Structures are given as structure tokens and as C-alpha cells.
């Protein structure tokens, strides 16, 4: 699984060297599902600055949401952007809304990334990391499929091209089931 560990976790636990962080990384890997939002949970709402307008999850109610947490320093994130552009293009008219939340501490880093990898979907910026904390995100990228009713359907940690077909199939099935599709 291509998952990039969040450097801020080491700072939160006052760890300064990679060897000291290894137990924390191991703990996060084996216990991650117990801490992150899970299928069936209500997706926490958020309101963030976006490119020209506020982005609020509640405004997407009634649409299937593919919520992606990303950072400019994350190599798998760079690989996921063209695919998310294709998702928005293919399924936007059917009710899918891709929302990507950037977690860079410096806004300019995110903008530089977006100049290289333009997004054809909604992008929000969370420089303070409040939204990933509310979702208990442990690595980049992490994506969450959220039902039209605001329930978590699926959590995808990391990004591998070989996972694209399975995730896309999940999106297709959920869109085909209509607005009442809230089962994980």
C-alpha cells in the first residue's frame, strides 16, 4: 500500500528522529483501522477555504462524495490526481463530487502542486490540519467515499493504480443504487 506517514505525528509526540518514530509508525499501521473513521460512521462536516469559494461537506449532501486528503510532498497523491480528474469527468453528471483537502502547512506548496497537477474537481485547503484530525487521517493519501446521506461507505488508505478499478466499481454501484445507498 502506498501510504505516506504524516510527519506531524512525530512532532505531536515530540519525536525528533526517524528511529524514535518507528514504534509509532508500527503502531499506526497495526491499529489504524481502530482510530480512523470507518464505514458506517457519520462523515464529520467541515468548512474550508477553497479556490475562490468556501468548501463545506454539508453543501454536497445528496451527492456521492469522494473525499481525498493530500499533500504536495506525497508522491502517491501526485499519481492520484489524473485519476480523480477522470472520476469527476465520468461520474460528476451522475452525482459524484470529488473533494480534495490539502493539508500542507504552507499554502504556496499546495498551489505549486496544483500548477503542475491541475484539479478538475473541488479543492479545499486546511493549513492547520483540523479536518484530517476530525477524520483521524494517519497517512497521505487517504480517501473516503461518503454516501448521499453523509455516511462513510469506504476508507481507502494509500493509492495504487491497481485499486482504481475496485474503487470505481464501488462508485458505479453506489450511484446505480441511487440516493438511498448508505450501506458500507
Protein backbone atom coordinates (compact mmCIF):
# COMPACT_ATOMS: atom_id res chain seq x y z
CA UNK A 1 0.00 0.00 0.00
CA UNK A 2 1.41 3.38 -0.98
CA UNK A 3 0.85 5.39 2.16
CA UNK A 4 2.99 8.27 3.30
CA UNK A 5 3.20 8.75 7.04
CA UNK A 6 2.34 12.19 8.39
CA UNK A 7 5.45 13.98 9.73
CA UNK A 8 3.26 15.99 12.09
CA UNK A 9 2.60 12.83 14.09
CA UNK A 10 6.24 12.71 15.14
CA UNK A 11 6.09 16.35 16.23
CA UNK A 12 2.92 15.75 18.22
CA UNK A 13 4.70 13.05 20.20
CA UNK A 14 7.91 15.11 20.46
CA UNK A 15 9.89 12.63 18.41
CA UNK A 16 12.74 14.18 16.51
CA UNK A 17 14.46 11.27 14.81
CA UNK A 18 13.15 8.65 12.44
CA UNK A 19 14.40 5.72 14.59
CA UNK A 20 12.40 7.04 17.51
CA UNK A 21 9.31 7.27 15.32
CA UNK A 22 9.42 3.63 14.17
CA UNK A 23 7.34 2.30 17.09
CA UNK A 24 4.71 4.96 16.37
CA UNK A 25 4.66 4.07 12.67
CA UNK A 26 4.29 0.38 13.53
CA UNK A 27 1.50 1.16 16.00
CA UNK A 28 -0.33 3.30 13.42
CA UNK A 29 -0.02 0.54 10.81
CA UNK A 30 -1.43 -2.22 13.03
CA UNK A 31 -4.07 -0.17 14.80
CA UNK A 32 -5.04 2.31 12.09
CA UNK A 33 -8.49 0.95 11.43
CA UNK A 34 -9.46 1.35 15.08
CA UNK A 35 -8.63 5.05 15.03
CA UNK A 36 -9.72 6.27 11.59
CA UNK A 37 -13.30 6.90 10.56
CA UNK A 38 -14.87 3.66 9.40
CA UNK A 39 -17.66 2.54 7.12
CA UNK A 40 -20.99 3.36 8.72
CA UNK A 41 -19.71 6.41 10.66
CA UNK A 42 -21.21 9.83 10.02
CA UNK A 43 -18.73 11.87 7.97
CA UNK A 44 -17.69 14.93 10.01
CA UNK A 45 -18.73 18.17 8.35
CA UNK A 46 -16.15 20.83 7.57
CA UNK A 47 -15.95 24.31 6.11
CA UNK A 48 -12.65 25.24 4.45
CA UNK A 49 -11.23 27.83 2.10
CA UNK A 50 -11.30 26.64 -1.47
CA UNK A 51 -10.15 28.04 -4.78
CA UNK A 52 -12.35 31.13 -4.86
CA UNK A 53 -15.12 29.90 -2.55
CA UNK A 54 -15.72 28.11 0.73
CA UNK A 55 -15.98 24.34 0.59
CA UNK A 56 -18.37 22.68 3.01
CA UNK A 57 -19.18 18.98 3.05
CA UNK A 58 -22.81 19.66 4.03
CA UNK A 59 -23.26 21.51 0.72
CA UNK A 60 -22.56 18.24 -1.10
CA UNK A 61 -25.40 16.43 0.71
CA UNK A 62 -27.41 14.50 -1.86
CA UNK A 63 -24.27 13.74 -3.89
CA UNK A 64 -21.87 10.84 -3.56
CA UNK A 65 -18.58 12.33 -2.33
CA UNK A 66 -15.07 11.04 -2.94
CA UNK A 67 -13.15 12.94 -0.24
CA UNK A 68 -9.39 12.83 -0.68
CA UNK A 69 -6.75 14.08 1.78
CA UNK A 70 -3.49 15.00 0.04
CA UNK A 71 -0.24 16.92 0.41
CA UNK A 72 2.25 18.39 -2.05
CA UNK A 73 5.09 16.22 -0.72
CA UNK A 74 3.13 12.99 -1.25
CA UNK A 75 4.24 11.04 -4.36
CA UNK A 76 1.14 8.77 -4.44
CA UNK A 77 -1.01 11.92 -4.28
CA UNK A 78 0.58 13.14 -7.48
CA UNK A 79 -0.32 9.85 -9.18
CA UNK A 80 -3.92 10.02 -7.94
CA UNK A 81 -4.81 13.45 -9.35
CA UNK A 82 -5.23 12.45 -13.03
CA UNK A 83 -7.44 9.56 -11.92
CA UNK A 84 -9.58 11.82 -9.71
CA UNK A 85 -9.94 14.19 -12.68
CA UNK A 86 -11.25 11.25 -14.73
CA UNK A 87 -13.65 10.24 -11.93
CA UNK A 88 -15.12 13.74 -11.75
CA UNK A 89 -15.43 13.88 -15.53
CA UNK A 90 -17.05 10.43 -15.87
CA UNK A 91 -19.41 10.50 -12.91
CA UNK A 92 -19.98 14.15 -12.00
CA UNK A 93 -23.19 14.37 -14.01
CA UNK A 94 -24.44 11.21 -12.28
CA UNK A 95 -23.97 12.67 -8.80
CA UNK A 96 -20.30 12.22 -7.82
CA UNK A 97 -18.43 15.12 -6.25
CA UNK A 98 -14.67 14.77 -5.79
CA UNK A 99 -13.38 16.99 -2.98
CA UNK A 100 -9.65 17.05 -2.27
CA UNK A 101 -8.45 18.55 1.02
CA UNK A 102 -4.87 19.75 1.03
CA UNK A 103 -3.05 19.53 4.36
CA UNK A 104 0.15 21.45 3.57
CA UNK A 105 1.19 23.89 6.29
CA UNK A 106 2.24 26.36 3.59
CA UNK A 107 -0.44 27.33 1.08
CA UNK A 108 2.15 28.10 -1.61
CA UNK A 109 3.30 24.44 -1.60
CA UNK A 110 -0.24 23.36 -2.48
CA UNK A 111 -0.55 25.99 -5.20
CA UNK A 112 2.76 24.91 -6.75
CA UNK A 113 1.50 21.30 -6.80
CA UNK A 114 -1.78 22.40 -8.42
CA UNK A 115 0.07 24.29 -11.15
CA UNK A 116 1.81 21.00 -12.01
CA UNK A 117 -1.24 18.80 -11.49
CA UNK A 118 -4.37 20.88 -12.23
CA UNK A 119 -7.51 19.68 -10.48
CA UNK A 120 -10.81 19.49 -12.35
CA UNK A 121 -12.63 18.93 -9.08
CA UNK A 122 -13.17 20.83 -5.84
CA UNK A 123 -10.03 21.59 -3.83
CA UNK A 124 -10.02 22.87 -0.24
CA UNK A 125 -7.11 23.95 1.94
CA UNK A 126 -6.62 23.03 5.60
CA UNK A 127 -3.28 24.53 6.64
CA UNK A 128 -4.00 23.87 10.32
CA UNK A 129 -4.89 20.20 9.88
CA UNK A 130 -8.24 20.39 11.67
CA UNK A 131 -10.16 18.31 9.11
CA UNK A 132 -7.70 15.39 8.93
CA UNK A 133 -7.71 15.33 12.76
CA UNK A 134 -11.51 15.12 12.78
CA UNK A 135 -11.33 12.24 10.30
CA UNK A 136 -8.36 10.74 12.19
CA UNK A 137 -6.30 10.57 8.99
CA UNK A 138 -2.99 8.83 9.53
CA UNK A 139 -1.30 8.98 6.15
CA UNK A 140 -1.36 10.53 2.72
CA UNK A 141 -3.27 9.97 0.61
CA UNK A 142 -6.40 8.76 2.34
CA UNK A 143 -9.72 8.83 0.52
CA UNK A 144 -13.19 8.39 1.92
CA UNK A 145 -16.31 7.55 -0.06
CA UNK A 146 -19.30 9.29 1.55
CA UNK A 147 -22.93 8.49 0.78
CA UNK A 148 -25.57 10.98 -0.27
CA UNK A 149 -26.80 10.82 3.34
CA UNK A 150 -23.39 11.73 4.77
CA UNK A 151 -22.30 8.25 5.92
CA UNK A 152 -18.82 6.81 5.35
CA UNK A 153 -19.07 3.97 2.83
CA UNK A 154 -15.39 3.14 2.34
CA UNK A 155 -11.95 4.30 3.52
CA UNK A 156 -9.01 3.88 1.15
CA UNK A 157 -5.55 4.31 2.65
CA UNK A 158 -2.84 4.96 0.11
CA UNK A 159 -3.14 4.97 -3.65
CA UNK A 160 -2.19 2.23 -6.10
CA UNK A 161 -3.32 2.22 -9.73
CA UNK A 162 -4.38 -1.42 -9.28
CA UNK A 163 -7.01 -0.22 -6.75
CA UNK A 164 -8.65 2.13 -9.26
CA UNK A 165 -10.98 -0.46 -10.80
CA UNK A 166 -12.30 -1.66 -7.42
CA UNK A 167 -12.92 1.90 -6.18
CA UNK A 168 -14.53 2.91 -9.46
CA UNK A 169 -16.75 -0.18 -9.32
CA UNK A 170 -17.82 0.85 -5.80
CA UNK A 171 -18.67 4.32 -7.10
CA UNK A 172 -20.65 2.90 -10.03
CA UNK A 173 -22.62 0.53 -7.77
CA UNK A 174 -23.40 3.30 -5.28
CA UNK A 175 -24.53 5.71 -8.00
CA UNK A 176 -26.69 2.96 -9.53
CA UNK A 177 -28.32 2.28 -6.14
CA UNK A 178 -29.47 5.92 -6.01
CA UNK A 179 -29.78 8.37 -3.13
CA UNK A 180 -30.71 5.78 -0.53
CA UNK A 181 -27.36 3.94 -0.91
CA UNK A 182 -25.82 4.29 2.54
CA UNK A 183 -24.66 0.72 3.22
CA UNK A 184 -20.90 0.19 3.57
